[in-house]
N, C-alpha and C. Protein backbone atom coordinates (compact mmCIF):
# COMPACT_ATOMS: atom_id res chain seq x y z
N MET A 1 174.34 133.55 99.34
CA MET A 1 174.19 132.49 98.35
C MET A 1 173.67 133.09 97.05
N ASN A 2 174.31 132.76 95.96
CA ASN A 2 173.88 133.29 94.67
C ASN A 2 173.05 132.24 93.96
N VAL A 3 171.73 132.37 94.07
CA VAL A 3 170.83 131.37 93.50
C VAL A 3 170.48 131.78 92.08
N ARG A 4 170.78 130.93 91.13
CA ARG A 4 170.42 131.19 89.73
C ARG A 4 169.42 130.15 89.31
N ASP A 5 168.17 130.46 89.43
CA ASP A 5 167.12 129.51 89.08
C ASP A 5 165.96 130.29 88.50
N PRO A 6 165.32 129.80 87.45
CA PRO A 6 164.24 130.56 86.82
C PRO A 6 163.13 130.96 87.77
N LEU A 7 162.76 130.06 88.70
CA LEU A 7 161.68 130.38 89.62
C LEU A 7 162.05 131.58 90.47
N PHE A 8 163.27 131.58 90.99
CA PHE A 8 163.73 132.69 91.82
C PHE A 8 163.92 133.95 90.99
N ASP A 9 164.55 133.80 89.83
CA ASP A 9 164.89 134.96 89.01
C ASP A 9 163.66 135.68 88.47
N THR A 10 162.66 134.92 88.04
CA THR A 10 161.56 135.54 87.31
C THR A 10 160.51 136.17 88.21
N LEU A 11 160.43 135.79 89.48
CA LEU A 11 159.41 136.38 90.32
C LEU A 11 159.97 137.22 91.44
N PHE A 12 160.93 136.70 92.17
CA PHE A 12 161.36 137.36 93.38
C PHE A 12 162.66 138.13 93.24
N ARG A 13 163.33 138.08 92.11
CA ARG A 13 164.49 138.92 91.88
C ARG A 13 164.14 139.93 90.81
N PRO A 14 164.36 141.24 91.08
CA PRO A 14 164.04 142.25 90.06
C PRO A 14 164.76 141.95 88.76
N THR A 15 164.01 142.02 87.67
CA THR A 15 164.61 141.74 86.38
C THR A 15 163.85 142.49 85.30
N THR A 16 164.50 142.78 84.23
CA THR A 16 163.86 143.42 83.09
C THR A 16 163.80 142.42 81.96
N ILE A 17 162.60 142.19 81.43
CA ILE A 17 162.43 141.23 80.36
C ILE A 17 162.29 141.99 79.06
N ALA A 18 163.07 141.61 78.09
CA ALA A 18 163.01 142.29 76.80
C ALA A 18 161.63 142.18 76.20
N PRO A 19 161.16 143.22 75.51
CA PRO A 19 159.80 143.18 74.95
C PRO A 19 159.56 141.98 74.05
N SER A 20 160.61 141.48 73.41
CA SER A 20 160.42 140.38 72.46
C SER A 20 160.10 139.07 73.15
N ILE A 21 160.43 138.95 74.46
CA ILE A 21 160.15 137.68 75.14
C ILE A 21 159.19 137.85 76.30
N ALA A 22 158.88 139.07 76.68
CA ALA A 22 157.98 139.26 77.80
C ALA A 22 156.59 138.76 77.45
N SER A 23 155.86 138.33 78.49
CA SER A 23 154.51 137.83 78.26
C SER A 23 153.57 138.46 79.25
N ALA A 24 152.59 139.16 78.76
CA ALA A 24 151.59 139.77 79.62
C ALA A 24 150.24 139.15 79.33
N ALA A 25 149.31 139.36 80.25
CA ALA A 25 147.96 138.83 80.04
C ALA A 25 147.38 139.44 78.78
N PRO A 26 146.66 138.65 77.99
CA PRO A 26 146.07 139.19 76.76
C PRO A 26 145.19 140.39 77.07
N VAL A 27 145.31 141.43 76.27
CA VAL A 27 144.52 142.64 76.43
C VAL A 27 143.56 142.75 75.25
N ARG A 28 142.28 142.93 75.54
CA ARG A 28 141.29 143.01 74.48
C ARG A 28 141.31 144.40 73.87
N ALA A 29 141.54 144.47 72.58
CA ALA A 29 141.55 145.74 71.89
C ALA A 29 140.14 146.29 71.81
N ALA A 30 140.03 147.60 71.65
CA ALA A 30 138.73 148.24 71.55
C ALA A 30 137.94 147.65 70.40
N GLY A 31 136.70 147.26 70.69
CA GLY A 31 135.85 146.71 69.65
C GLY A 31 135.92 145.20 69.52
N THR A 32 136.89 144.58 70.19
CA THR A 32 137.00 143.13 70.12
C THR A 32 135.89 142.51 70.96
N ARG A 33 135.31 141.47 70.44
CA ARG A 33 134.21 140.82 71.15
C ARG A 33 134.71 140.29 72.49
N SER A 34 133.94 140.52 73.55
CA SER A 34 134.34 140.05 74.87
C SER A 34 134.42 138.53 74.92
N ARG A 35 133.64 137.86 74.08
CA ARG A 35 133.67 136.40 74.06
C ARG A 35 135.07 135.91 73.69
N ALA A 36 135.69 136.56 72.72
CA ALA A 36 137.04 136.17 72.32
C ALA A 36 138.03 136.44 73.46
N GLY A 37 137.86 137.58 74.14
CA GLY A 37 138.74 137.89 75.26
C GLY A 37 138.59 136.88 76.38
N ASN A 38 137.35 136.47 76.67
CA ASN A 38 137.11 135.47 77.70
C ASN A 38 137.74 134.14 77.33
N ALA A 39 137.68 133.79 76.05
CA ALA A 39 138.28 132.54 75.60
C ALA A 39 139.79 132.57 75.80
N MET A 40 140.42 133.71 75.51
CA MET A 40 141.85 133.83 75.71
C MET A 40 142.22 133.72 77.18
N ASN A 41 141.41 134.32 78.04
CA ASN A 41 141.67 134.23 79.47
C ASN A 41 141.51 132.80 79.98
N ARG A 42 140.50 132.08 79.45
CA ARG A 42 140.32 130.69 79.85
C ARG A 42 141.50 129.85 79.39
N THR A 43 141.99 130.12 78.18
CA THR A 43 143.15 129.38 77.68
C THR A 43 144.37 129.65 78.54
N ARG A 44 144.58 130.91 78.88
CA ARG A 44 145.72 131.27 79.73
C ARG A 44 145.62 130.58 81.09
N ALA A 45 144.41 130.56 81.65
CA ALA A 45 144.22 129.89 82.93
C ALA A 45 144.54 128.40 82.82
N ALA A 46 144.13 127.78 81.72
CA ALA A 46 144.42 126.36 81.52
C ALA A 46 145.92 126.13 81.38
N LEU A 47 146.60 127.04 80.69
CA LEU A 47 148.05 126.92 80.54
C LEU A 47 148.75 127.05 81.89
N LEU A 48 148.31 127.98 82.71
CA LEU A 48 148.93 128.14 84.03
C LEU A 48 148.64 126.94 84.91
N ASP A 49 147.46 126.34 84.75
CA ASP A 49 147.17 125.12 85.50
C ASP A 49 148.10 123.99 85.05
N GLY A 50 148.34 123.91 83.74
CA GLY A 50 149.29 122.92 83.25
C GLY A 50 150.69 123.18 83.76
N ALA A 51 151.09 124.44 83.81
CA ALA A 51 152.40 124.78 84.35
C ALA A 51 152.49 124.43 85.82
N ARG A 52 151.44 124.70 86.56
CA ARG A 52 151.42 124.39 87.99
C ARG A 52 151.62 122.90 88.22
N ARG A 53 150.89 122.09 87.48
CA ARG A 53 151.01 120.63 87.65
C ARG A 53 152.37 120.13 87.18
N SER A 54 152.93 120.77 86.17
CA SER A 54 154.26 120.38 85.70
C SER A 54 155.31 120.67 86.74
N VAL A 55 155.23 121.85 87.38
CA VAL A 55 156.19 122.20 88.42
C VAL A 55 156.04 121.28 89.63
N GLU A 56 154.83 120.92 89.96
CA GLU A 56 154.62 120.00 91.07
C GLU A 56 155.26 118.65 90.81
N MET A 57 155.36 118.26 89.54
CA MET A 57 155.98 116.98 89.18
C MET A 57 157.49 117.09 89.01
N SER A 58 157.95 118.19 88.40
CA SER A 58 159.35 118.25 87.96
C SER A 58 160.14 119.42 88.50
N GLY A 59 159.56 120.29 89.30
CA GLY A 59 160.26 121.48 89.73
C GLY A 59 160.31 122.50 88.60
N THR A 60 161.25 123.41 88.67
CA THR A 60 161.31 124.48 87.68
C THR A 60 161.97 124.07 86.38
N LYS A 61 162.52 122.87 86.32
CA LYS A 61 163.17 122.41 85.09
C LYS A 61 162.16 121.82 84.12
N ILE A 62 161.06 122.54 83.96
CA ILE A 62 160.02 122.10 83.04
C ILE A 62 160.39 122.50 81.62
N THR A 63 159.72 121.90 80.65
CA THR A 63 159.90 122.28 79.25
C THR A 63 158.58 122.82 78.72
N MET A 64 158.67 123.57 77.66
CA MET A 64 157.45 124.09 77.04
C MET A 64 156.58 122.94 76.55
N ALA A 65 157.20 121.90 76.01
CA ALA A 65 156.44 120.74 75.54
C ALA A 65 155.68 120.08 76.70
N GLN A 66 156.33 119.98 77.85
CA GLN A 66 155.70 119.38 79.01
C GLN A 66 154.50 120.20 79.47
N VAL A 67 154.65 121.52 79.51
CA VAL A 67 153.55 122.39 79.93
C VAL A 67 152.37 122.25 78.97
N ALA A 68 152.66 122.27 77.66
CA ALA A 68 151.59 122.15 76.68
C ALA A 68 150.86 120.82 76.81
N ALA A 69 151.63 119.74 76.96
CA ALA A 69 151.00 118.42 77.08
C ALA A 69 150.16 118.32 78.34
N THR A 70 150.67 118.83 79.45
CA THR A 70 149.92 118.77 80.70
C THR A 70 148.66 119.61 80.63
N ALA A 71 148.74 120.74 79.92
CA ALA A 71 147.57 121.59 79.76
C ALA A 71 146.60 121.07 78.71
N GLY A 72 147.05 120.11 77.90
CA GLY A 72 146.19 119.55 76.86
C GLY A 72 146.00 120.46 75.66
N VAL A 73 147.06 121.23 75.33
CA VAL A 73 146.98 122.13 74.18
C VAL A 73 148.20 121.90 73.29
N ALA A 74 148.14 122.43 72.08
CA ALA A 74 149.28 122.36 71.17
C ALA A 74 150.36 123.34 71.62
N LYS A 75 151.61 123.04 71.29
CA LYS A 75 152.70 123.94 71.65
C LYS A 75 152.49 125.32 71.06
N ALA A 76 151.93 125.37 69.86
CA ALA A 76 151.69 126.67 69.23
C ALA A 76 150.77 127.54 70.08
N THR A 77 149.78 126.92 70.73
CA THR A 77 148.88 127.67 71.60
C THR A 77 149.64 128.23 72.79
N LEU A 78 150.52 127.41 73.36
CA LEU A 78 151.33 127.88 74.49
C LEU A 78 152.19 129.06 74.08
N TYR A 79 152.83 128.96 72.90
CA TYR A 79 153.72 130.03 72.45
C TYR A 79 152.94 131.30 72.08
N ASN A 80 151.66 131.18 71.82
CA ASN A 80 150.85 132.37 71.59
C ASN A 80 150.73 133.22 72.85
N HIS A 81 150.88 132.58 74.02
CA HIS A 81 150.74 133.28 75.29
C HIS A 81 152.09 133.54 75.97
N PHE A 82 153.01 132.61 75.84
CA PHE A 82 154.30 132.71 76.54
C PHE A 82 155.42 132.34 75.58
N ARG A 83 156.44 133.16 75.55
CA ARG A 83 157.54 132.92 74.62
C ARG A 83 158.60 131.97 75.18
N THR A 84 158.75 131.94 76.50
CA THR A 84 159.82 131.16 77.10
C THR A 84 159.33 130.44 78.36
N ARG A 85 160.13 129.49 78.80
CA ARG A 85 159.84 128.82 80.07
C ARG A 85 159.86 129.82 81.22
N GLU A 86 160.79 130.76 81.17
CA GLU A 86 160.89 131.76 82.23
C GLU A 86 159.63 132.61 82.30
N ALA A 87 159.05 132.93 81.15
CA ALA A 87 157.80 133.70 81.13
C ALA A 87 156.66 132.89 81.74
N VAL A 88 156.64 131.59 81.48
CA VAL A 88 155.63 130.71 82.09
C VAL A 88 155.76 130.72 83.61
N LEU A 89 157.00 130.53 84.09
CA LEU A 89 157.23 130.50 85.53
C LEU A 89 156.88 131.83 86.18
N SER A 90 157.24 132.91 85.52
CA SER A 90 156.94 134.23 86.07
C SER A 90 155.44 134.42 86.21
N ALA A 91 154.69 134.09 85.17
CA ALA A 91 153.24 134.25 85.21
C ALA A 91 152.61 133.33 86.25
N LEU A 92 153.12 132.12 86.36
CA LEU A 92 152.58 131.17 87.33
C LEU A 92 152.77 131.66 88.75
N LEU A 93 153.97 132.09 89.08
CA LEU A 93 154.23 132.52 90.45
C LEU A 93 153.50 133.82 90.78
N ALA A 94 153.43 134.73 89.81
CA ALA A 94 152.67 135.96 90.04
C ALA A 94 151.20 135.64 90.30
N ALA A 95 150.66 134.68 89.56
CA ALA A 95 149.27 134.28 89.75
C ALA A 95 149.05 133.63 91.11
N GLU A 96 150.02 132.82 91.56
CA GLU A 96 149.88 132.15 92.85
C GLU A 96 149.91 133.16 93.99
N VAL A 97 150.81 134.13 93.93
CA VAL A 97 150.88 135.14 94.98
C VAL A 97 149.58 135.95 95.00
N ALA A 98 149.13 136.39 93.82
CA ALA A 98 147.90 137.18 93.75
C ALA A 98 146.70 136.38 94.26
N ARG A 99 146.69 135.09 93.95
CA ARG A 99 145.56 134.25 94.40
C ARG A 99 145.53 134.17 95.92
N LEU A 100 146.69 133.99 96.54
CA LEU A 100 146.74 133.91 98.00
C LEU A 100 146.30 135.23 98.63
N VAL A 101 146.75 136.34 98.07
CA VAL A 101 146.34 137.64 98.60
C VAL A 101 144.84 137.81 98.50
N ASP A 102 144.27 137.48 97.35
CA ASP A 102 142.83 137.64 97.15
C ASP A 102 142.01 136.71 98.05
N GLU A 103 142.53 135.50 98.27
CA GLU A 103 141.79 134.50 99.04
C GLU A 103 141.50 134.96 100.46
N PHE A 104 142.44 135.71 101.04
CA PHE A 104 142.29 136.09 102.45
C PHE A 104 142.04 137.59 102.65
N ALA A 105 141.75 138.28 101.56
CA ALA A 105 141.66 139.74 101.61
C ALA A 105 140.52 140.25 102.49
N ASP A 106 139.40 139.55 102.55
CA ASP A 106 138.22 140.07 103.24
C ASP A 106 137.99 139.44 104.61
N LEU A 107 138.96 138.69 105.11
CA LEU A 107 138.81 138.04 106.41
C LEU A 107 139.30 138.95 107.53
N PRO A 108 138.81 138.73 108.76
CA PRO A 108 139.40 139.42 109.91
C PRO A 108 140.90 139.15 109.97
N LEU A 109 141.64 140.08 110.56
CA LEU A 109 143.10 140.01 110.52
C LEU A 109 143.65 138.69 111.02
N ALA A 110 143.17 138.21 112.17
CA ALA A 110 143.69 136.96 112.73
C ALA A 110 143.45 135.80 111.77
N ASP A 111 142.26 135.73 111.19
CA ASP A 111 141.95 134.65 110.25
C ASP A 111 142.77 134.77 108.97
N ALA A 112 142.95 136.01 108.51
CA ALA A 112 143.74 136.22 107.29
C ALA A 112 145.19 135.79 107.50
N LEU A 113 145.78 136.16 108.63
CA LEU A 113 147.17 135.79 108.90
C LEU A 113 147.33 134.28 109.03
N ALA A 114 146.42 133.65 109.77
CA ALA A 114 146.49 132.20 109.94
C ALA A 114 146.28 131.49 108.61
N GLY A 115 145.29 131.94 107.84
CA GLY A 115 145.03 131.31 106.56
C GLY A 115 146.19 131.44 105.60
N ALA A 116 146.79 132.63 105.54
CA ALA A 116 147.92 132.84 104.64
C ALA A 116 149.12 132.01 105.06
N ALA A 117 149.40 131.97 106.36
CA ALA A 117 150.55 131.19 106.83
C ALA A 117 150.37 129.71 106.55
N ASN A 118 149.16 129.19 106.80
CA ASN A 118 148.91 127.78 106.52
C ASN A 118 148.99 127.48 105.03
N ALA A 119 148.49 128.41 104.21
CA ALA A 119 148.54 128.21 102.76
C ALA A 119 149.98 128.17 102.26
N VAL A 120 150.80 129.07 102.78
CA VAL A 120 152.21 129.08 102.38
C VAL A 120 152.91 127.81 102.87
N ALA A 121 152.68 127.45 104.12
CA ALA A 121 153.35 126.29 104.69
C ALA A 121 153.03 125.00 103.95
N GLY A 122 151.79 124.90 103.45
CA GLY A 122 151.38 123.67 102.77
C GLY A 122 151.27 123.78 101.27
N HIS A 123 151.79 124.85 100.70
CA HIS A 123 151.64 125.04 99.26
C HIS A 123 152.36 123.92 98.49
N PRO A 124 151.65 123.22 97.61
CA PRO A 124 152.26 122.07 96.92
C PRO A 124 153.46 122.44 96.07
N LEU A 125 153.44 123.60 95.43
CA LEU A 125 154.60 124.00 94.63
C LEU A 125 155.83 124.18 95.52
N LEU A 126 155.66 124.85 96.64
CA LEU A 126 156.78 125.08 97.54
C LEU A 126 157.29 123.79 98.15
N ARG A 127 156.38 122.89 98.47
CA ARG A 127 156.82 121.64 99.09
C ARG A 127 157.57 120.78 98.09
N THR A 128 157.16 120.81 96.82
CA THR A 128 157.92 120.11 95.79
C THR A 128 159.31 120.69 95.66
N LEU A 129 159.39 122.02 95.61
CA LEU A 129 160.69 122.67 95.46
C LEU A 129 161.56 122.45 96.68
N ALA A 130 160.97 122.41 97.86
CA ALA A 130 161.75 122.16 99.07
C ALA A 130 162.41 120.78 99.01
N ARG A 131 161.74 119.85 98.33
CA ARG A 131 162.27 118.50 98.24
C ARG A 131 163.33 118.35 97.16
N ILE A 132 163.12 118.98 96.00
CA ILE A 132 164.02 118.74 94.88
C ILE A 132 164.90 119.93 94.52
N GLU A 133 164.52 121.14 94.98
CA GLU A 133 165.31 122.34 94.69
C GLU A 133 165.38 123.22 95.94
N PRO A 134 165.99 122.72 97.02
CA PRO A 134 165.98 123.49 98.28
C PRO A 134 166.65 124.85 98.16
N ALA A 135 167.66 124.97 97.30
CA ALA A 135 168.32 126.27 97.15
C ALA A 135 167.35 127.33 96.61
N THR A 136 166.43 126.91 95.76
CA THR A 136 165.43 127.85 95.25
C THR A 136 164.55 128.36 96.36
N VAL A 137 164.09 127.47 97.23
CA VAL A 137 163.24 127.88 98.35
C VAL A 137 164.00 128.79 99.30
N ALA A 138 165.28 128.49 99.52
CA ALA A 138 166.10 129.35 100.37
C ALA A 138 166.16 130.77 99.79
N GLY A 139 166.27 130.87 98.48
CA GLY A 139 166.28 132.18 97.86
C GLY A 139 164.95 132.89 97.98
N LEU A 140 163.86 132.14 97.84
CA LEU A 140 162.53 132.73 97.94
C LEU A 140 162.27 133.27 99.34
N GLY A 141 162.89 132.68 100.34
CA GLY A 141 162.67 133.11 101.71
C GLY A 141 163.33 134.42 102.06
N CYS A 142 164.17 134.95 101.19
CA CYS A 142 164.83 136.24 101.43
C CYS A 142 163.93 137.36 100.92
N VAL A 143 163.34 138.11 101.83
CA VAL A 143 162.39 139.15 101.45
C VAL A 143 163.10 140.24 100.64
N ASP A 144 162.58 140.51 99.46
CA ASP A 144 163.12 141.55 98.59
C ASP A 144 161.99 142.53 98.28
N PRO A 145 161.95 143.69 98.95
CA PRO A 145 160.84 144.62 98.76
C PRO A 145 160.72 145.16 97.34
N GLY A 146 161.79 145.05 96.55
CA GLY A 146 161.73 145.56 95.19
C GLY A 146 161.26 144.57 94.16
N ALA A 147 161.00 143.34 94.57
CA ALA A 147 160.61 142.30 93.62
C ALA A 147 159.10 142.19 93.53
N GLU A 148 158.62 141.78 92.37
CA GLU A 148 157.18 141.78 92.09
C GLU A 148 156.39 140.96 93.10
N GLY A 149 156.84 139.74 93.35
CA GLY A 149 156.09 138.88 94.25
C GLY A 149 155.99 139.44 95.65
N TRP A 150 157.10 139.97 96.15
CA TRP A 150 157.08 140.53 97.50
C TRP A 150 156.30 141.83 97.56
N ARG A 151 156.31 142.62 96.50
CA ARG A 151 155.49 143.84 96.49
C ARG A 151 154.01 143.48 96.59
N THR A 152 153.59 142.47 95.83
CA THR A 152 152.20 142.04 95.87
C THR A 152 151.82 141.54 97.26
N ALA A 153 152.69 140.73 97.85
CA ALA A 153 152.43 140.20 99.18
C ALA A 153 152.37 141.33 100.21
N ARG A 154 153.31 142.26 100.13
CA ARG A 154 153.35 143.36 101.09
C ARG A 154 152.10 144.24 100.96
N ASP A 155 151.67 144.50 99.75
CA ASP A 155 150.46 145.30 99.56
C ASP A 155 149.25 144.63 100.21
N GLY A 156 149.18 143.29 100.11
CA GLY A 156 148.09 142.57 100.75
C GLY A 156 148.14 142.70 102.26
N VAL A 157 149.35 142.63 102.81
CA VAL A 157 149.52 142.78 104.26
C VAL A 157 149.12 144.19 104.70
N VAL A 158 149.53 145.18 103.94
CA VAL A 158 149.16 146.57 104.26
C VAL A 158 147.65 146.73 104.34
N CYS A 159 146.94 146.19 103.37
CA CYS A 159 145.48 146.31 103.35
C CYS A 159 144.85 145.63 104.56
N ALA A 160 145.35 144.44 104.91
CA ALA A 160 144.79 143.70 106.06
C ALA A 160 145.03 144.45 107.36
N LEU A 161 146.21 145.00 107.53
CA LEU A 161 146.52 145.73 108.76
C LEU A 161 145.76 147.05 108.83
N THR A 162 145.69 147.75 107.71
CA THR A 162 145.00 149.04 107.69
C THR A 162 143.53 148.88 108.05
N ALA A 163 142.91 147.77 107.62
CA ALA A 163 141.49 147.54 107.90
C ALA A 163 141.22 147.46 109.39
N GLU A 164 142.23 147.09 110.18
CA GLU A 164 142.04 146.99 111.62
C GLU A 164 142.93 147.96 112.39
N SER A 165 143.40 148.99 111.67
CA SER A 165 144.18 150.07 112.28
C SER A 165 145.40 149.54 113.04
N ARG A 166 146.11 148.64 112.39
CA ARG A 166 147.32 148.09 112.99
C ARG A 166 148.52 148.41 112.12
N GLY A 167 149.68 148.50 112.75
CA GLY A 167 150.93 148.69 112.04
C GLY A 167 151.74 147.40 112.04
N GLY A 168 153.02 147.52 111.69
CA GLY A 168 153.90 146.35 111.72
C GLY A 168 153.95 145.58 110.43
N THR A 169 153.80 146.27 109.30
CA THR A 169 153.78 145.59 108.00
C THR A 169 155.01 144.73 107.77
N ASP A 170 156.20 145.29 107.98
CA ASP A 170 157.42 144.55 107.69
C ASP A 170 157.58 143.34 108.60
N THR A 171 157.14 143.48 109.85
CA THR A 171 157.19 142.35 110.77
C THR A 171 156.32 141.20 110.27
N VAL A 172 155.12 141.53 109.80
CA VAL A 172 154.20 140.50 109.31
C VAL A 172 154.75 139.84 108.05
N VAL A 173 155.30 140.64 107.14
CA VAL A 173 155.86 140.08 105.91
C VAL A 173 156.98 139.11 106.24
N ARG A 174 157.89 139.49 107.13
CA ARG A 174 158.99 138.59 107.49
C ARG A 174 158.46 137.33 108.18
N TRP A 175 157.42 137.50 108.99
CA TRP A 175 156.82 136.34 109.66
C TRP A 175 156.24 135.37 108.63
N LEU A 176 155.50 135.89 107.66
CA LEU A 176 154.96 135.02 106.62
C LEU A 176 156.07 134.35 105.81
N ALA A 177 157.14 135.08 105.54
CA ALA A 177 158.25 134.53 104.78
C ALA A 177 158.88 133.34 105.49
N SER A 178 158.82 133.33 106.82
CA SER A 178 159.44 132.23 107.56
C SER A 178 158.79 130.90 107.24
N TYR A 179 157.52 130.93 106.82
CA TYR A 179 156.83 129.67 106.50
C TYR A 179 157.24 129.11 105.14
N LEU A 180 157.91 129.91 104.34
CA LEU A 180 158.51 129.38 103.12
C LEU A 180 159.61 128.39 103.46
N LEU A 181 160.34 128.69 104.53
CA LEU A 181 161.51 127.90 104.89
C LEU A 181 161.21 126.84 105.94
N THR A 182 160.26 127.13 106.84
CA THR A 182 159.99 126.22 107.95
C THR A 182 158.49 125.99 108.07
N PRO A 183 157.94 125.04 107.33
CA PRO A 183 156.51 124.77 107.41
C PRO A 183 156.10 124.35 108.82
N SER A 184 154.88 124.69 109.22
CA SER A 184 154.36 124.35 110.53
C SER A 184 152.91 123.89 110.39
N GLY A 185 152.44 123.20 111.41
CA GLY A 185 151.06 122.75 111.43
C GLY A 185 150.12 123.86 111.86
N ALA A 186 148.82 123.60 111.72
CA ALA A 186 147.81 124.61 112.01
C ALA A 186 147.85 125.06 113.47
N ALA A 187 148.08 124.14 114.40
CA ALA A 187 148.11 124.51 115.82
C ALA A 187 149.27 125.45 116.12
N SER A 188 150.42 125.16 115.52
CA SER A 188 151.58 126.02 115.72
C SER A 188 151.36 127.39 115.10
N VAL A 189 150.74 127.43 113.92
CA VAL A 189 150.44 128.70 113.27
C VAL A 189 149.49 129.52 114.13
N ALA A 190 148.47 128.89 114.69
CA ALA A 190 147.50 129.61 115.53
C ALA A 190 148.19 130.22 116.74
N ALA A 191 149.09 129.47 117.35
CA ALA A 191 149.83 130.01 118.50
C ALA A 191 150.71 131.18 118.09
N ASP A 192 151.34 131.07 116.92
CA ASP A 192 152.19 132.15 116.42
C ASP A 192 151.38 133.41 116.14
N VAL A 193 150.18 133.23 115.57
CA VAL A 193 149.34 134.37 115.26
C VAL A 193 148.96 135.12 116.53
N ALA A 194 148.64 134.39 117.59
CA ALA A 194 148.27 135.03 118.85
C ALA A 194 149.42 135.88 119.38
N VAL A 195 150.63 135.34 119.31
CA VAL A 195 151.80 136.10 119.78
C VAL A 195 152.04 137.31 118.88
N LEU A 196 151.93 137.09 117.56
CA LEU A 196 152.18 138.17 116.61
C LEU A 196 151.20 139.32 116.82
N LEU A 197 149.91 139.01 116.94
CA LEU A 197 148.91 140.06 117.11
C LEU A 197 149.14 140.83 118.41
N GLY A 198 149.61 140.13 119.43
CA GLY A 198 149.87 140.79 120.69
C GLY A 198 151.00 141.80 120.60
N GLY A 199 151.89 141.63 119.61
CA GLY A 199 153.02 142.53 119.48
C GLY A 199 152.89 143.59 118.41
N LEU A 200 151.83 143.53 117.62
CA LEU A 200 151.67 144.51 116.56
C LEU A 200 151.22 145.85 117.13
N PRO A 201 151.85 146.94 116.72
CA PRO A 201 151.46 148.24 117.25
C PRO A 201 150.21 148.76 116.56
N PRO A 202 149.50 149.69 117.19
CA PRO A 202 148.41 150.36 116.48
C PRO A 202 148.99 151.25 115.39
N ALA A 203 148.20 151.47 114.37
CA ALA A 203 148.65 152.39 113.32
C ALA A 203 148.81 153.77 113.92
N ARG A 204 149.85 154.47 113.49
CA ARG A 204 150.07 155.81 114.01
C ARG A 204 148.92 156.73 113.60
N GLU A 205 148.47 157.53 114.52
CA GLU A 205 147.33 158.41 114.26
C GLU A 205 147.65 159.36 113.11
N GLY A 206 146.72 159.39 112.15
CA GLY A 206 146.89 160.29 111.02
C GLY A 206 147.80 159.77 109.95
N VAL A 207 148.35 158.55 110.14
CA VAL A 207 149.26 157.99 109.14
C VAL A 207 148.66 156.69 108.63
N MET A 208 148.34 156.65 107.36
CA MET A 208 147.80 155.45 106.74
C MET A 208 148.93 154.64 106.16
N ALA A 209 148.92 153.33 106.40
CA ALA A 209 149.93 152.47 105.78
C ALA A 209 149.75 152.50 104.28
N GLN A 210 150.84 152.55 103.58
CA GLN A 210 150.80 152.60 102.13
C GLN A 210 151.56 151.42 101.54
N PRO A 211 151.10 150.89 100.39
CA PRO A 211 151.87 149.85 99.70
C PRO A 211 153.25 150.35 99.39
N GLY A 212 154.21 149.46 99.42
CA GLY A 212 155.59 149.83 99.15
C GLY A 212 155.76 150.31 97.73
N PRO A 213 156.63 151.29 97.50
CA PRO A 213 156.87 151.79 96.15
C PRO A 213 157.57 150.75 95.31
N ALA A 214 157.28 150.79 94.04
CA ALA A 214 157.92 149.85 93.12
C ALA A 214 159.37 150.29 92.90
N ALA A 215 160.28 149.42 93.25
CA ALA A 215 161.69 149.74 93.06
C ALA A 215 162.06 149.62 91.59
N PRO A 216 163.04 150.41 91.12
CA PRO A 216 163.48 150.28 89.73
C PRO A 216 163.92 148.85 89.45
N LEU A 217 163.53 148.32 88.31
CA LEU A 217 163.90 146.97 87.95
C LEU A 217 165.29 146.96 87.36
N GLN A 218 166.09 146.02 87.77
CA GLN A 218 167.46 145.90 87.29
C GLN A 218 167.63 144.62 86.51
N ALA A 219 168.24 144.72 85.36
CA ALA A 219 168.53 143.53 84.57
C ALA A 219 169.60 142.72 85.27
N GLN A 220 169.45 141.41 85.25
CA GLN A 220 170.42 140.53 85.86
C GLN A 220 171.41 140.03 84.81
N PRO A 221 172.67 139.83 85.20
CA PRO A 221 173.63 139.30 84.25
C PRO A 221 173.27 137.90 83.81
N ALA A 222 173.57 137.56 82.58
CA ALA A 222 173.23 136.23 82.08
C ALA A 222 174.10 135.19 82.76
């Protein structure tokens, strides 16, 4: 299936964004007051919260005006941080993946796996998209090791497994991806975790799991 949707394209499909439209987190120049940098970060966080609520209401067919209004800022403020709707979506999804990884990073492996699976299964953005843009969710469920979102998720899995000397990174990643497509309740997730842990191999002696290498980014045809 060839899914052409901003949510899928900007996070989970490798793409190259031209410098003129790419949007990165504000970087404080040397000598700039940290207070100004903190204010920019707070503004960016507010914008992403507005984008999150907009997607929960409308899916990925949001507008810049809608994001600005939901965030309670002027459009000019939004454009100071993000040039396009695609840049907003990319930043939002990258932030959501990173947040999930950070949330469960310090938990025991069983708790981390259960927490991550439940969070994915019940994620409001995904559930909205499953209802109004099912093709997008189907695309997200295809694990792409070269894409930013999946690299971040895989790195989090590697760290969790390494902490308990376990292998099976790719198995765990595919297992978590299944909850994008087939949400389950907490009891079902707990049962799945027990089975999964029983099948994970020990890490090979002398071999440390490593985060997956960043694959070359490929521009997608318009």
